Amino acid sequence: MTVDREVIPEHSPAHDRSPVEEVSTATVVAYAMAAVVLVGWFLFGWLVLEQGFVDSVGESAGAGFTLLLIVSVVGTVRRSRR
């Protein structure tokens, strides 16, 4: 940390913080359901389709990252409209 950050008010830690927004219950429920679906998808591929552990993990991880990408794009579009 430099002396400038302590002296200049724009660089104070209180100024750097953005307002905290609470996460809605619907968002938490949606994330929990997505996690359950991904675990179910993993178990289905591994135990029912018998495609192998590593393949099932990779497929579930790919589906999870795709969901995260979709959530990120939707969140960006929603914030740009405000």
N, C-alpha and C. Protein backbone atom coordinates (compact mmCIF):
# COMPACT_ATOMS: atom_id res chain seq x y z
N MET A 1 0.84 -1.17 0.00
CA MET A 1 0.00 0.00 0.00
C MET A 1 0.89 1.23 0.00
N THR A 2 0.54 2.21 -0.78
CA THR A 2 1.32 3.43 -0.85
C THR A 2 0.70 4.50 0.02
N VAL A 3 1.46 5.56 0.22
CA VAL A 3 0.98 6.69 1.00
C VAL A 3 -0.18 7.38 0.29
N ASP A 4 -0.18 7.38 -1.04
CA ASP A 4 -1.24 8.03 -1.81
C ASP A 4 -2.62 7.44 -1.49
N ARG A 5 -2.68 6.16 -1.33
CA ARG A 5 -3.97 5.52 -1.06
C ARG A 5 -4.50 5.90 0.31
N GLU A 6 -3.63 6.21 1.24
CA GLU A 6 -4.08 6.59 2.58
C GLU A 6 -4.47 8.06 2.65
N VAL A 7 -3.92 8.90 1.79
CA VAL A 7 -4.14 10.33 1.87
C VAL A 7 -5.30 10.79 1.00
N ILE A 8 -5.40 10.25 -0.20
CA ILE A 8 -6.42 10.69 -1.15
C ILE A 8 -7.75 10.01 -0.81
N PRO A 9 -8.82 10.78 -0.57
CA PRO A 9 -10.08 10.18 -0.15
C PRO A 9 -10.71 9.27 -1.21
N GLU A 10 -10.44 9.51 -2.49
CA GLU A 10 -11.04 8.66 -3.53
C GLU A 10 -10.54 7.23 -3.46
N HIS A 11 -9.37 7.04 -2.86
CA HIS A 11 -8.77 5.72 -2.81
C HIS A 11 -8.96 5.04 -1.46
N SER A 12 -9.81 5.58 -0.63
CA SER A 12 -10.02 4.95 0.67
C SER A 12 -10.82 3.67 0.49
N PRO A 13 -10.61 2.68 1.36
CA PRO A 13 -11.33 1.41 1.23
C PRO A 13 -12.85 1.58 1.28
N ALA A 14 -13.36 2.53 2.04
CA ALA A 14 -14.80 2.75 2.12
C ALA A 14 -15.34 3.26 0.79
N HIS A 15 -14.53 4.01 0.05
CA HIS A 15 -14.96 4.56 -1.24
C HIS A 15 -14.96 3.49 -2.32
N ASP A 16 -14.08 2.49 -2.21
CA ASP A 16 -13.96 1.45 -3.23
C ASP A 16 -15.10 0.44 -3.20
N ARG A 17 -15.80 0.35 -2.09
CA ARG A 17 -16.85 -0.66 -1.96
C ARG A 17 -18.09 -0.26 -2.74
N SER A 18 -18.66 -1.23 -3.41
CA SER A 18 -19.94 -0.99 -4.09
C SER A 18 -21.06 -1.37 -3.13
N PRO A 19 -22.26 -0.84 -3.35
CA PRO A 19 -23.36 -1.19 -2.45
C PRO A 19 -23.68 -2.68 -2.54
N VAL A 20 -23.96 -3.28 -1.41
CA VAL A 20 -24.23 -4.71 -1.35
C VAL A 20 -25.70 -4.95 -1.68
N GLU A 21 -25.93 -5.83 -2.66
CA GLU A 21 -27.29 -6.19 -3.01
C GLU A 21 -27.58 -7.58 -2.46
N GLU A 22 -28.74 -7.74 -1.85
CA GLU A 22 -29.10 -9.04 -1.31
C GLU A 22 -29.54 -9.97 -2.43
N VAL A 23 -29.26 -11.23 -2.25
CA VAL A 23 -29.65 -12.24 -3.22
C VAL A 23 -31.06 -12.71 -2.88
N SER A 24 -31.92 -12.74 -3.89
CA SER A 24 -33.30 -13.12 -3.64
C SER A 24 -33.41 -14.63 -3.37
N THR A 25 -34.50 -14.99 -2.73
CA THR A 25 -34.75 -16.40 -2.43
C THR A 25 -34.91 -17.20 -3.71
N ALA A 26 -35.53 -16.60 -4.72
CA ALA A 26 -35.72 -17.29 -5.99
C ALA A 26 -34.38 -17.63 -6.64
N THR A 27 -33.40 -16.74 -6.51
CA THR A 27 -32.08 -17.00 -7.07
C THR A 27 -31.40 -18.16 -6.36
N VAL A 28 -31.49 -18.18 -5.06
CA VAL A 28 -30.88 -19.27 -4.29
C VAL A 28 -31.55 -20.60 -4.64
N VAL A 29 -32.88 -20.60 -4.77
CA VAL A 29 -33.60 -21.82 -5.13
C VAL A 29 -33.21 -22.27 -6.53
N ALA A 30 -33.08 -21.33 -7.46
CA ALA A 30 -32.70 -21.68 -8.83
C ALA A 30 -31.29 -22.28 -8.87
N TYR A 31 -30.35 -21.71 -8.13
CA TYR A 31 -28.99 -22.26 -8.09
C TYR A 31 -28.99 -23.65 -7.46
N ALA A 32 -29.78 -23.85 -6.41
CA ALA A 32 -29.85 -25.16 -5.76
C ALA A 32 -30.44 -26.19 -6.71
N MET A 33 -31.47 -25.81 -7.45
CA MET A 33 -32.07 -26.74 -8.41
C MET A 33 -31.09 -27.07 -9.54
N ALA A 34 -30.34 -26.06 -9.99
CA ALA A 34 -29.35 -26.31 -11.03
C ALA A 34 -28.28 -27.28 -10.54
N ALA A 35 -27.87 -27.13 -9.28
CA ALA A 35 -26.87 -28.05 -8.71
C ALA A 35 -27.42 -29.46 -8.63
N VAL A 36 -28.66 -29.61 -8.23
CA VAL A 36 -29.28 -30.93 -8.14
C VAL A 36 -29.38 -31.56 -9.53
N VAL A 37 -29.77 -30.76 -10.53
CA VAL A 37 -29.87 -31.27 -11.90
C VAL A 37 -28.50 -31.71 -12.41
N LEU A 38 -27.46 -30.93 -12.13
CA LEU A 38 -26.12 -31.30 -12.59
C LEU A 38 -25.62 -32.58 -11.92
N VAL A 39 -25.89 -32.73 -10.64
CA VAL A 39 -25.49 -33.96 -9.95
C VAL A 39 -26.29 -35.13 -10.51
N GLY A 40 -27.57 -34.92 -10.77
CA GLY A 40 -28.39 -35.97 -11.38
C GLY A 40 -27.90 -36.34 -12.76
N TRP A 41 -27.50 -35.33 -13.54
CA TRP A 41 -26.97 -35.58 -14.88
C TRP A 41 -25.67 -36.40 -14.81
N PHE A 42 -24.83 -36.08 -13.84
CA PHE A 42 -23.60 -36.84 -13.64
C PHE A 42 -23.92 -38.29 -13.29
N LEU A 43 -24.82 -38.49 -12.33
CA LEU A 43 -25.16 -39.85 -11.90
C LEU A 43 -25.83 -40.64 -13.02
N PHE A 44 -26.68 -39.98 -13.79
CA PHE A 44 -27.34 -40.65 -14.91
C PHE A 44 -26.31 -41.13 -15.93
N GLY A 45 -25.38 -40.26 -16.29
CA GLY A 45 -24.37 -40.65 -17.27
C GLY A 45 -23.44 -41.73 -16.76
N TRP A 46 -23.09 -41.66 -15.48
CA TRP A 46 -22.13 -42.60 -14.92
C TRP A 46 -22.76 -43.96 -14.63
N LEU A 47 -23.94 -43.96 -13.99
CA LEU A 47 -24.53 -45.21 -13.54
C LEU A 47 -25.49 -45.84 -14.55
N VAL A 48 -26.26 -45.02 -15.25
CA VAL A 48 -27.25 -45.58 -16.17
C VAL A 48 -26.64 -45.81 -17.55
N LEU A 49 -25.99 -44.77 -18.08
CA LEU A 49 -25.41 -44.91 -19.41
C LEU A 49 -24.06 -45.62 -19.40
N GLU A 50 -23.46 -45.73 -18.21
CA GLU A 50 -22.16 -46.39 -18.02
C GLU A 50 -21.10 -45.84 -18.98
N GLN A 51 -20.99 -44.52 -19.03
CA GLN A 51 -20.03 -43.91 -19.95
C GLN A 51 -18.69 -43.62 -19.29
N GLY A 52 -18.52 -43.95 -18.06
CA GLY A 52 -17.25 -43.74 -17.38
C GLY A 52 -17.30 -42.53 -16.48
N PHE A 53 -16.51 -42.61 -15.41
CA PHE A 53 -16.52 -41.55 -14.40
C PHE A 53 -16.01 -40.23 -14.96
N VAL A 54 -14.87 -40.27 -15.63
CA VAL A 54 -14.25 -39.04 -16.14
C VAL A 54 -15.13 -38.39 -17.20
N ASP A 55 -15.72 -39.17 -18.07
CA ASP A 55 -16.61 -38.63 -19.09
C ASP A 55 -17.84 -37.98 -18.46
N SER A 56 -18.37 -38.61 -17.42
CA SER A 56 -19.54 -38.05 -16.74
C SER A 56 -19.20 -36.75 -16.02
N VAL A 57 -18.03 -36.70 -15.39
CA VAL A 57 -17.59 -35.47 -14.73
C VAL A 57 -17.41 -34.36 -15.76
N GLY A 58 -16.78 -34.68 -16.88
CA GLY A 58 -16.56 -33.68 -17.92
C GLY A 58 -17.85 -33.18 -18.52
N GLU A 59 -18.79 -34.06 -18.73
CA GLU A 59 -20.07 -33.65 -19.30
C GLU A 59 -20.84 -32.77 -18.32
N SER A 60 -20.84 -33.14 -17.06
CA SER A 60 -21.53 -32.33 -16.05
C SER A 60 -20.85 -30.98 -15.86
N ALA A 61 -19.52 -30.97 -15.87
CA ALA A 61 -18.80 -29.71 -15.74
C ALA A 61 -19.07 -28.80 -16.93
N GLY A 62 -19.11 -29.38 -18.12
CA GLY A 62 -19.42 -28.58 -19.31
C GLY A 62 -20.81 -28.00 -19.24
N ALA A 63 -21.78 -28.79 -18.78
CA ALA A 63 -23.14 -28.28 -18.63
C ALA A 63 -23.19 -27.19 -17.57
N GLY A 64 -22.44 -27.36 -16.49
CA GLY A 64 -22.41 -26.34 -15.44
C GLY A 64 -21.80 -25.04 -15.93
N PHE A 65 -20.69 -25.12 -16.66
CA PHE A 65 -20.08 -23.91 -17.19
C PHE A 65 -20.99 -23.24 -18.22
N THR A 66 -21.73 -24.02 -18.98
CA THR A 66 -22.68 -23.44 -19.92
C THR A 66 -23.78 -22.69 -19.18
N LEU A 67 -24.27 -23.27 -18.10
CA LEU A 67 -25.28 -22.57 -17.30
C LEU A 67 -24.72 -21.28 -16.70
N LEU A 68 -23.48 -21.32 -16.22
CA LEU A 68 -22.87 -20.10 -15.68
C LEU A 68 -22.71 -19.03 -16.75
N LEU A 69 -22.36 -19.43 -17.96
CA LEU A 69 -22.24 -18.48 -19.06
C LEU A 69 -23.59 -17.85 -19.38
N ILE A 70 -24.64 -18.66 -19.40
CA ILE A 70 -25.98 -18.13 -19.67
C ILE A 70 -26.41 -17.15 -18.58
N VAL A 71 -26.16 -17.51 -17.32
CA VAL A 71 -26.50 -16.61 -16.20
C VAL A 71 -25.72 -15.31 -16.31
N SER A 72 -24.47 -15.39 -16.69
CA SER A 72 -23.64 -14.19 -16.84
C SER A 72 -24.16 -13.27 -17.94
N VAL A 73 -24.51 -13.85 -19.07
CA VAL A 73 -25.02 -13.04 -20.19
C VAL A 73 -26.35 -12.41 -19.82
N VAL A 74 -27.25 -13.18 -19.20
CA VAL A 74 -28.55 -12.63 -18.80
C VAL A 74 -28.37 -11.52 -17.77
N GLY A 75 -27.48 -11.71 -16.81
CA GLY A 75 -27.22 -10.67 -15.82
C GLY A 75 -26.64 -9.41 -16.44
N THR A 76 -25.76 -9.57 -17.41
CA THR A 76 -25.19 -8.40 -18.08
C THR A 76 -26.26 -7.64 -18.86
N VAL A 77 -27.12 -8.36 -19.55
CA VAL A 77 -28.20 -7.70 -20.31
C VAL A 77 -29.15 -6.98 -19.37
N ARG A 78 -29.48 -7.62 -18.25
CA ARG A 78 -30.40 -6.99 -17.29
C ARG A 78 -29.79 -5.73 -16.66
N ARG A 79 -28.50 -5.76 -16.35
CA ARG A 79 -27.87 -4.58 -15.74
C ARG A 79 -27.68 -3.45 -16.74
N SER A 80 -27.51 -3.79 -18.01
CA SER A 80 -27.32 -2.73 -19.01
C SER A 80 -28.61 -1.99 -19.29
N ARG A 81 -29.74 -2.60 -18.99
CA ARG A 81 -31.03 -1.95 -19.20
C ARG A 81 -31.38 -0.97 -18.09
N ARG A 82 -30.73 -1.06 -16.94
CA ARG A 82 -31.03 -0.17 -15.80
C ARG A 82 -30.48 1.20 -16.01
